[in-house]
Protein backbone atom coordinates (compact mmCIF):
# COMPACT_ATOMS: atom_id res chain seq x y z
CA MET A 1 30.96 12.55 26.86
CA PRO A 2 34.89 12.57 26.21
CA ASN A 3 36.05 13.98 23.03
CA LEU A 4 35.84 11.25 20.36
CA LEU A 5 38.98 12.08 18.29
CA ASN A 6 41.01 12.85 21.47
CA ARG A 7 40.43 9.14 22.73
CA LEU A 8 41.14 7.87 19.30
CA LEU A 9 44.36 9.87 19.28
CA GLY A 10 45.46 8.99 22.93
CA GLY A 11 44.65 12.54 24.14
CA ARG A 12 46.42 14.50 21.52
CA ILE A 13 44.73 16.68 18.86
CA ASP A 14 47.82 17.05 16.50
CA THR A 15 48.15 14.18 14.23
CA PRO A 16 51.34 12.36 14.92
CA ALA A 17 53.86 11.77 11.94
CA GLU A 18 53.31 8.42 10.22
CA THR A 19 55.66 6.50 8.01
CA LYS A 20 53.03 3.92 6.85
CA SER A 21 52.41 3.74 3.07
CA PHE A 22 48.63 4.20 3.83
CA ALA A 23 47.30 7.41 2.19
CA GLY A 24 44.81 8.13 4.92
CA HIS A 25 41.12 9.12 5.03
CA THR A 26 39.64 12.49 5.26
CA LEU A 27 36.01 11.37 4.53
CA MET A 28 34.12 8.41 5.75
CA THR A 29 30.52 7.70 4.35
CA LEU A 30 28.14 5.56 6.34
CA SER A 31 25.17 5.46 3.96
CA PRO A 32 25.96 3.96 0.54
CA LEU A 33 23.18 3.96 -2.10
CA GLY A 34 22.02 0.90 -4.04
CA PRO A 35 19.79 0.31 -7.05
CA ALA A 36 15.98 -0.06 -6.70
CA GLN A 37 14.86 -3.52 -5.86
CA TRP A 38 11.57 -4.83 -7.33
CA SER A 39 9.45 -7.99 -6.56
CA GLY A 40 9.02 -10.77 -8.98
CA ARG A 41 5.98 -10.66 -11.21
CA GLY A 42 5.08 -14.43 -10.44
CA TYR A 43 2.00 -15.39 -8.59
CA ALA A 44 3.84 -16.48 -5.57
CA SER A 45 5.95 -13.57 -5.32
CA LEU A 46 3.04 -11.22 -5.70
CA VAL A 47 0.86 -12.95 -3.21
CA ASN A 48 3.73 -13.15 -0.71
CA GLN A 49 4.59 -9.47 -1.06
CA GLY A 50 1.14 -8.32 -1.53
CA PHE A 51 -1.78 -10.11 0.09
CA MET A 52 0.22 -11.72 3.01
CA ARG A 53 2.40 -8.72 3.70
CA ASN A 54 0.72 -5.66 2.66
CA PRO A 55 -2.50 -4.34 4.59
CA VAL A 56 -3.92 -2.26 1.60
CA VAL A 57 -3.86 -5.23 -0.65
CA TYR A 58 -5.12 -7.68 1.83
CA ARG A 59 -8.02 -5.23 2.64
CA CYS A 60 -8.95 -4.75 -0.95
CA VAL A 61 -9.16 -8.31 -1.63
CA ARG A 62 -11.03 -9.14 1.35
CA LEU A 63 -13.46 -6.29 0.84
CA ILE A 64 -14.12 -7.18 -2.69
CA ALA A 65 -14.53 -10.98 -2.05
CA GLU A 66 -16.67 -10.59 1.06
CA ALA A 67 -18.90 -7.95 -0.38
CA ALA A 68 -19.55 -9.86 -3.57
CA ASN A 69 -20.21 -12.88 -1.73
CA ARG A 70 -23.16 -11.11 0.12
CA VAL A 71 -25.04 -11.23 -3.27
CA PRO A 72 -27.03 -14.42 -3.48
CA LEU A 73 -27.16 -16.28 -6.64
CA VAL A 74 -30.44 -17.50 -7.63
CA VAL A 75 -31.68 -19.95 -10.21
CA LYS A 76 -34.10 -19.29 -12.94
CA VAL A 77 -36.00 -21.84 -15.06
CA ASP A 78 -37.95 -20.55 -18.11
CA GLY A 79 -37.46 -16.97 -16.86
CA GLU A 80 -38.90 -17.74 -13.44
CA VAL A 81 -36.96 -17.85 -10.11
CA VAL A 82 -37.28 -21.22 -8.42
CA THR A 83 -36.53 -22.21 -4.73
CA GLU A 84 -35.90 -25.97 -5.36
CA HIS A 85 -33.54 -27.09 -8.12
CA PRO A 86 -30.53 -29.44 -8.29
CA LEU A 87 -28.46 -26.55 -9.54
CA LEU A 88 -29.41 -24.52 -6.66
CA ASP A 89 -28.43 -27.39 -4.40
CA LEU A 90 -25.11 -27.64 -6.00
CA LEU A 91 -24.45 -24.08 -5.55
CA THR A 92 -25.56 -24.06 -2.04
CA ARG A 93 -23.29 -27.10 -1.01
CA PRO A 94 -20.73 -27.60 -3.91
CA ASN A 95 -18.66 -30.23 -2.07
CA GLY A 96 -18.20 -31.92 1.32
CA ARG A 97 -15.70 -29.43 2.60
CA GLN A 98 -17.06 -25.93 1.45
CA SER A 99 -20.26 -24.04 1.47
CA GLY A 100 -21.35 -22.16 -1.53
CA GLY A 101 -20.32 -18.92 0.03
CA GLU A 102 -16.91 -20.12 0.89
CA MET A 103 -16.40 -21.41 -2.68
CA LEU A 104 -17.48 -18.07 -4.24
CA GLU A 105 -15.39 -16.04 -1.90
CA ALA A 106 -12.42 -17.98 -3.01
CA LEU A 107 -13.42 -17.60 -6.58
CA TYR A 108 -13.66 -13.80 -6.30
CA ALA A 109 -10.31 -13.57 -4.29
CA PHE A 110 -8.36 -15.59 -6.80
CA LEU A 111 -9.70 -13.25 -9.71
CA GLN A 112 -8.28 -10.12 -7.72
CA THR A 113 -4.93 -11.86 -6.90
CA ALA A 114 -4.19 -13.99 -9.93
CA GLY A 115 -6.61 -12.75 -12.54
CA ASN A 116 -7.59 -16.40 -13.06
CA ALA A 117 -10.10 -18.57 -11.23
CA TYR A 118 -10.71 -22.37 -11.90
CA LEU A 119 -13.70 -24.44 -11.04
CA GLN A 120 -13.57 -28.11 -11.50
CA ALA A 121 -16.70 -30.35 -11.82
CA GLY A 122 -16.99 -33.62 -10.22
CA ILE A 123 -19.04 -35.73 -12.63
CA VAL A 124 -20.58 -39.07 -11.50
CA ASP A 125 -22.85 -41.14 -13.96
CA GLY A 126 -22.94 -38.09 -16.33
CA VAL A 127 -24.31 -35.78 -13.64
CA VAL A 128 -22.46 -32.86 -12.04
CA ARG A 129 -22.27 -33.72 -8.43
CA THR A 130 -19.64 -31.53 -6.96
CA LEU A 131 -17.76 -28.22 -7.65
CA PHE A 132 -14.13 -27.67 -6.47
CA VAL A 133 -12.01 -24.46 -6.39
CA LEU A 134 -8.45 -25.05 -7.81
CA ARG A 135 -5.50 -22.91 -7.00
CA PRO A 136 -4.32 -20.81 -10.15
CA ASP A 137 -0.69 -21.37 -9.44
CA ARG A 138 -1.04 -25.00 -9.80
CA MET A 139 -3.01 -24.97 -13.12
CA SER A 140 -1.60 -24.93 -16.66
CA VAL A 141 -3.37 -24.72 -19.99
CA VAL A 142 -2.93 -27.68 -22.42
CA ALA A 143 -3.35 -26.12 -25.83
CA GLY A 144 -4.60 -28.13 -28.94
CA GLU A 145 -3.39 -27.71 -32.48
CA ASP A 146 -5.70 -24.88 -33.10
CA GLY A 147 -4.34 -22.98 -29.93
CA TRP A 148 -7.58 -23.47 -27.87
CA PRO A 149 -7.27 -25.29 -24.52
CA VAL A 150 -8.20 -29.00 -24.83
CA ALA A 151 -7.24 -29.96 -21.11
CA TYR A 152 -5.73 -28.42 -18.03
CA ASP A 153 -2.92 -29.87 -15.94
CA TYR A 154 -3.23 -29.57 -12.11
CA ARG A 155 -0.08 -30.17 -10.24
CA ALA A 156 -0.21 -30.98 -6.39
CA GLY A 157 1.73 -33.42 -4.29
CA GLY A 158 4.58 -33.81 -6.64
CA ARG A 159 2.28 -35.13 -9.58
CA ALA A 160 0.25 -33.82 -12.34
CA VAL A 161 -3.49 -34.64 -13.02
CA ARG A 162 -4.80 -33.91 -16.56
CA ILE A 163 -8.40 -32.60 -16.59
CA SER A 164 -9.95 -32.96 -20.17
CA GLN A 165 -12.28 -30.14 -21.40
CA GLU A 166 -14.46 -32.75 -23.42
CA LYS A 167 -18.17 -31.96 -22.75
CA LEU A 168 -19.50 -34.94 -20.62
CA PRO A 169 -22.07 -33.23 -19.66
CA VAL A 170 -19.97 -30.04 -19.16
CA GLN A 171 -16.34 -29.25 -19.57
CA GLY A 172 -14.14 -30.48 -16.76
CA VAL A 173 -12.79 -26.93 -15.72
CA LEU A 174 -14.50 -23.50 -15.93
CA HIS A 175 -11.61 -21.03 -16.43
CA MET A 176 -12.49 -17.50 -15.48
CA ALA A 177 -9.68 -15.11 -16.72
CA LEU A 178 -9.49 -11.10 -16.44
CA PHE A 179 -8.60 -9.50 -19.58
CA HIS A 180 -4.89 -9.57 -20.44
CA PRO A 181 -3.65 -7.84 -23.65
CA LEU A 182 -0.51 -9.99 -24.12
CA ASP A 183 -1.73 -13.50 -23.19
CA ASP A 184 -4.00 -15.97 -25.08
CA HIS A 185 -4.85 -18.00 -22.13
CA TYR A 186 -4.14 -16.37 -18.73
CA GLY A 187 -5.81 -13.35 -17.26
CA MET A 188 -4.06 -10.48 -15.49
CA GLY A 189 -5.08 -9.51 -11.99
CA PRO A 190 -5.31 -6.03 -10.33
CA LEU A 191 -2.35 -7.25 -7.98
CA GLU A 192 -0.10 -7.54 -11.05
CA ALA A 193 -0.99 -4.03 -12.26
CA ALA A 194 -0.29 -2.64 -8.69
CA GLN A 195 3.17 -4.16 -8.38
CA THR A 196 5.17 -0.89 -8.62
CA SER A 197 2.99 0.81 -6.08
CA LEU A 198 3.07 -2.27 -4.02
CA ASP A 199 6.85 -2.33 -3.78
CA ILE A 200 6.86 1.41 -2.93
CA HIS A 201 4.41 0.93 -0.29
CA ASN A 202 6.38 -2.15 1.26
CA ALA A 203 9.66 -0.32 0.96
CA SER A 204 8.40 2.77 2.85
CA ALA A 205 7.18 0.38 5.50
CA GLN A 206 10.63 -1.39 5.72
CA TRP A 207 12.31 2.01 5.71
CA HIS A 208 10.28 3.15 8.81
CA LYS A 209 11.05 -0.29 10.62
CA ALA A 210 14.78 0.15 9.88
CA LEU A 211 14.53 3.66 11.26
CA LEU A 212 12.93 2.35 14.48
CA ASP A 213 15.49 -0.36 14.85
CA ASN A 214 18.56 1.84 14.06
CA ALA A 215 17.11 5.34 14.95
CA ALA A 216 20.27 7.07 15.77
CA ARG A 217 22.67 5.80 13.05
CA PRO A 218 24.33 8.81 11.41
CA SER A 219 22.99 9.36 7.61
CA GLY A 220 26.09 11.18 6.39
CA ALA A 221 29.94 11.55 6.60
CA LEU A 222 32.50 12.64 9.13
CA VAL A 223 35.12 14.85 7.66
CA TYR A 224 38.51 15.30 9.31
CA SER A 225 40.06 18.69 8.22
CA ALA A 226 42.71 19.46 10.93
CA GLY A 227 45.60 21.05 9.08
CA ASN A 228 46.75 19.07 6.15
CA GLY A 229 46.92 15.78 8.10
CA SER A 230 44.62 12.75 7.70
CA LEU A 231 43.57 9.76 9.67
CA THR A 232 45.87 6.76 9.63
CA GLU A 233 44.42 3.34 8.80
CA ASP A 234 44.35 2.36 12.69
CA GLN A 235 42.61 5.59 13.47
CA PHE A 236 40.08 5.36 10.77
CA SER A 237 39.10 1.74 11.93
CA ARG A 238 38.76 2.60 15.40
CA LEU A 239 36.73 5.71 14.71
CA LYS A 240 34.40 3.56 12.51
CA ALA A 241 34.17 0.81 15.08
CA GLU A 242 33.22 3.44 17.96
CA LEU A 243 30.54 5.05 15.72
CA GLU A 244 29.09 1.66 15.08
CA GLU A 245 29.17 0.64 18.77
CA GLN A 246 28.12 4.01 20.32
CA PHE A 247 25.71 5.44 17.93
CA SER A 248 23.96 2.76 16.06
CA GLY A 249 20.89 0.75 17.14
CA SER A 250 17.50 1.72 18.76
CA ALA A 251 19.14 1.69 22.21
CA ASN A 252 21.39 4.60 21.24
CA ALA A 253 18.48 6.57 19.80
CA GLY A 254 18.98 10.31 20.23
CA ARG A 255 22.44 10.18 21.84
CA PRO A 256 24.53 13.11 21.20
CA MET A 257 27.77 13.14 19.22
CA VAL A 258 30.40 15.53 20.50
CA LEU A 259 32.76 16.36 17.73
CA ASP A 260 36.22 18.23 18.21
CA GLY A 261 39.67 18.23 16.89
CA GLY A 262 38.99 18.74 13.28
CA LEU A 263 36.08 16.36 12.95
CA ASP A 264 33.00 17.74 11.22
CA TRP A 265 29.64 16.23 10.26
CA LYS A 266 28.30 16.42 6.71
CA SER A 267 24.89 15.03 6.17
CA LEU A 268 24.58 13.11 2.90
CA ALA A 269 20.96 12.11 3.05
CA MET A 270 17.64 14.06 2.90
CA SER A 271 15.53 14.13 5.92
CA PRO A 272 12.28 12.02 6.05
CA ARG A 273 10.36 15.46 5.71
CA GLU A 274 12.42 16.39 2.51
CA MET A 275 11.68 12.90 0.95
CA ASP A 276 8.10 13.03 2.37
CA PHE A 277 7.97 9.30 3.02
CA ILE A 278 4.53 9.48 4.37
CA GLU A 279 2.92 11.26 1.49
CA ALA A 280 4.71 8.77 -0.86
CA ARG A 281 3.28 5.92 1.17
CA HIS A 282 -0.16 7.28 0.84
CA ALA A 283 0.18 7.90 -2.74
CA ALA A 284 1.26 4.31 -3.25
CA ALA A 285 -1.77 3.09 -1.18
CA ARG A 286 -4.11 5.12 -3.36
CA ASP A 287 -2.68 3.60 -6.49
CA ILE A 288 -3.04 0.13 -5.06
CA ALA A 289 -6.73 0.97 -4.21
CA LEU A 290 -7.21 2.35 -7.77
CA ALA A 291 -6.02 -0.95 -9.36
CA PHE A 292 -8.60 -2.99 -7.39
CA GLY A 293 -11.33 -0.46 -8.00
CA VAL A 294 -11.82 0.32 -4.37
CA PRO A 295 -12.41 4.05 -3.36
CA PRO A 296 -9.45 4.86 -1.03
CA MET A 297 -11.82 6.71 1.39
CA LEU A 298 -13.33 3.18 2.37
CA LEU A 299 -9.70 1.93 3.35
CA GLY A 300 -9.03 5.10 5.56
CA ILE A 301 -6.32 6.46 3.17
CA PRO A 302 -5.98 10.29 3.52
CA GLY A 303 -5.65 12.76 0.78
CA ASP A 304 -8.69 11.47 -1.36
CA ASN A 305 -11.67 13.69 -1.68
CA THR A 306 -13.16 12.29 -4.59
CA TYR A 307 -16.49 11.31 -2.79
CA ALA A 308 -18.37 13.52 -0.36
CA ASN A 309 -18.99 10.72 2.10
CA LEU A 310 -18.52 7.07 2.82
CA ALA A 311 -22.04 6.26 1.49
CA GLU A 312 -21.24 7.74 -1.83
CA ALA A 313 -17.79 5.89 -1.99
CA ASN A 314 -19.64 2.62 -1.02
CA ARG A 315 -22.10 3.15 -4.07
CA ALA A 316 -19.30 3.86 -6.31
CA LEU A 317 -17.62 0.51 -5.15
CA TRP A 318 -20.78 -1.45 -5.96
CA ARG A 319 -21.50 0.30 -9.25
CA GLN A 320 -18.00 0.15 -10.76
CA THR A 321 -16.48 -2.95 -9.22
CA LEU A 322 -18.74 -5.37 -7.39
CA VAL A 323 -21.88 -5.51 -9.82
CA PRO A 324 -19.78 -6.13 -12.93
CA LEU A 325 -17.83 -8.83 -11.01
CA VAL A 326 -20.73 -10.60 -9.47
CA VAL A 327 -22.68 -10.41 -12.94
CA ARG A 328 -19.80 -11.80 -14.81
CA VAL A 329 -19.21 -14.73 -12.54
CA ALA A 330 -23.00 -15.57 -12.61
CA GLN A 331 -22.97 -15.49 -16.34
CA GLU A 332 -19.89 -17.81 -16.57
CA LEU A 333 -21.67 -20.22 -14.24
CA SER A 334 -24.74 -20.19 -16.33
CA GLY A 335 -22.85 -20.88 -19.48
CA TRP A 336 -20.96 -23.69 -18.07
CA LEU A 337 -23.45 -25.42 -15.88
CA GLY A 338 -26.65 -24.51 -17.71
CA PRO A 339 -26.52 -27.13 -20.33
CA ALA A 340 -26.15 -29.83 -17.67
CA PHE A 341 -29.24 -28.64 -15.92
CA ALA A 342 -31.75 -28.41 -18.81
CA GLY A 343 -30.93 -24.71 -19.59
CA ALA A 344 -31.25 -23.35 -16.05
CA GLU A 345 -29.80 -19.80 -15.44
CA VAL A 346 -27.84 -18.51 -12.54
CA VAL A 347 -28.70 -14.89 -11.72
CA PRO A 348 -27.63 -12.46 -9.00
CA ASP A 349 -30.12 -11.01 -6.70
CA PHE A 350 -29.12 -7.48 -5.89
CA GLU A 351 -32.39 -6.73 -4.02
CA GLY A 352 -30.97 -6.93 -0.46
CA VAL A 353 -27.96 -4.53 -1.23
CA GLU A 354 -28.42 -1.53 0.62
CA ALA A 355 -25.92 0.38 -1.25
CA LEU A 356 -27.96 0.10 -4.48
CA ALA A 357 -31.36 0.94 -2.73
CA GLU A 358 -31.11 4.53 -4.02
CA ASP A 359 -30.57 3.41 -7.65
CA ARG A 360 -33.49 0.87 -7.50
CA ALA A 361 -35.79 3.54 -6.04
CA ALA A 362 -34.88 6.03 -8.90
CA LEU A 363 -35.64 3.37 -11.40
CA TRP A 364 -38.96 2.41 -9.82
CA ALA A 365 -39.91 6.17 -9.87
CA ARG A 366 -39.19 6.50 -13.47
CA VAL A 367 -40.86 3.30 -14.60
CA GLY A 368 -43.99 4.04 -12.34
CA ALA A 369 -44.42 7.39 -13.99
CA ALA A 370 -44.52 5.70 -17.43
CA ASP A 371 -48.31 5.56 -17.89
CA PHE A 372 -48.00 4.02 -21.50
CA LEU A 373 -46.40 0.83 -20.06
CA THR A 374 -48.50 -2.03 -18.85
CA ASP A 375 -48.07 -3.49 -15.38
CA ALA A 376 -46.34 -6.46 -16.88
CA GLU A 377 -43.87 -4.34 -18.70
CA LYS A 378 -43.09 -2.33 -15.76
CA ARG A 379 -42.36 -5.45 -13.69
CA GLU A 380 -40.02 -6.65 -16.39
CA MET A 381 -38.15 -3.31 -16.57
CA VAL A 382 -37.55 -2.99 -12.90
CA GLY A 383 -36.47 -6.76 -12.72
CA ALA A 384 -39.32 -8.06 -10.50
CA GLY A 385 -38.58 -11.59 -10.06
CA ARG A 386 -35.17 -11.21 -11.90
CA GLY A 387 -33.12 -9.93 -8.78
CA LEU A 388 -32.11 -6.69 -10.56
């Protein structure tokens, strides 16, 4: 490759005398730094940057929603599980467009992304006939004089519909919200708590993509130190243009640069190894999983040895995240719909969950060894007929 500086100077190494008023350049930087950029904290921004663009967030939300949806909800009347009941029919087919499983999956997913989930009751002739999941970003609380919600406004299609919270026979909207220490009405989801780690994870992915697109672009400065001279404005512009053309872009990846005639390369940026982008990316992924309560081992994230194997990590997911979530949703449904169905209860049935089989076996062994208990008391303690 011909000498870059010689081409710029027409074959001469010595700097010609100049009469221009331009003071000259002796250093040219090609990698300016800027301030950190953070995504917005609104629901739309977090969903776009998280669930729709980040594989860790997407998998956490899907894993929790799909696993929780595997737990069937049963109906109990006077403490006994029933197989036929209007409330059970409603939960099985809540509306003409969704099955019960699809509705619950959306409910669990909205709680993870927004920290809020809304169900609207369709009431016909004083009877709850349908249930609909409403998008959290379209809902707003209408507070009364005492500060408690008296209605909800749902905005869609350019108009708002007000849904009253008057009990006829149930409140029009069931609002489930995760705990938020600074808000009276709206909850705070795991996705909002993981925002900083989410931005770091996304930024590292963008950095790697930019590195692939612009693999050979110098990350430093060219220093011209031939004698006491300096590059003229024209020489400086031509040098910068040739660097952009000859050494930028993935097509020029790995192309060698020949420096002569007083040009020297000074690296101004740390190497990927020094900045340890990969480990930073894994650390951010672990923090995201932590916010959602998902063991990183289940997501294939390296560097986490908290659990001995996948089975133990899966049990931790059920014990610490899924069981509390499903129990809470069932209790909310019972408190909301129960009065309209003569006090019927909605109860989760964990009997078919393989990850909890070891816990159930240990419970049965302890209760079975208690000779001072009657058979009826033992059945009650192990949850026979209660789904627990």
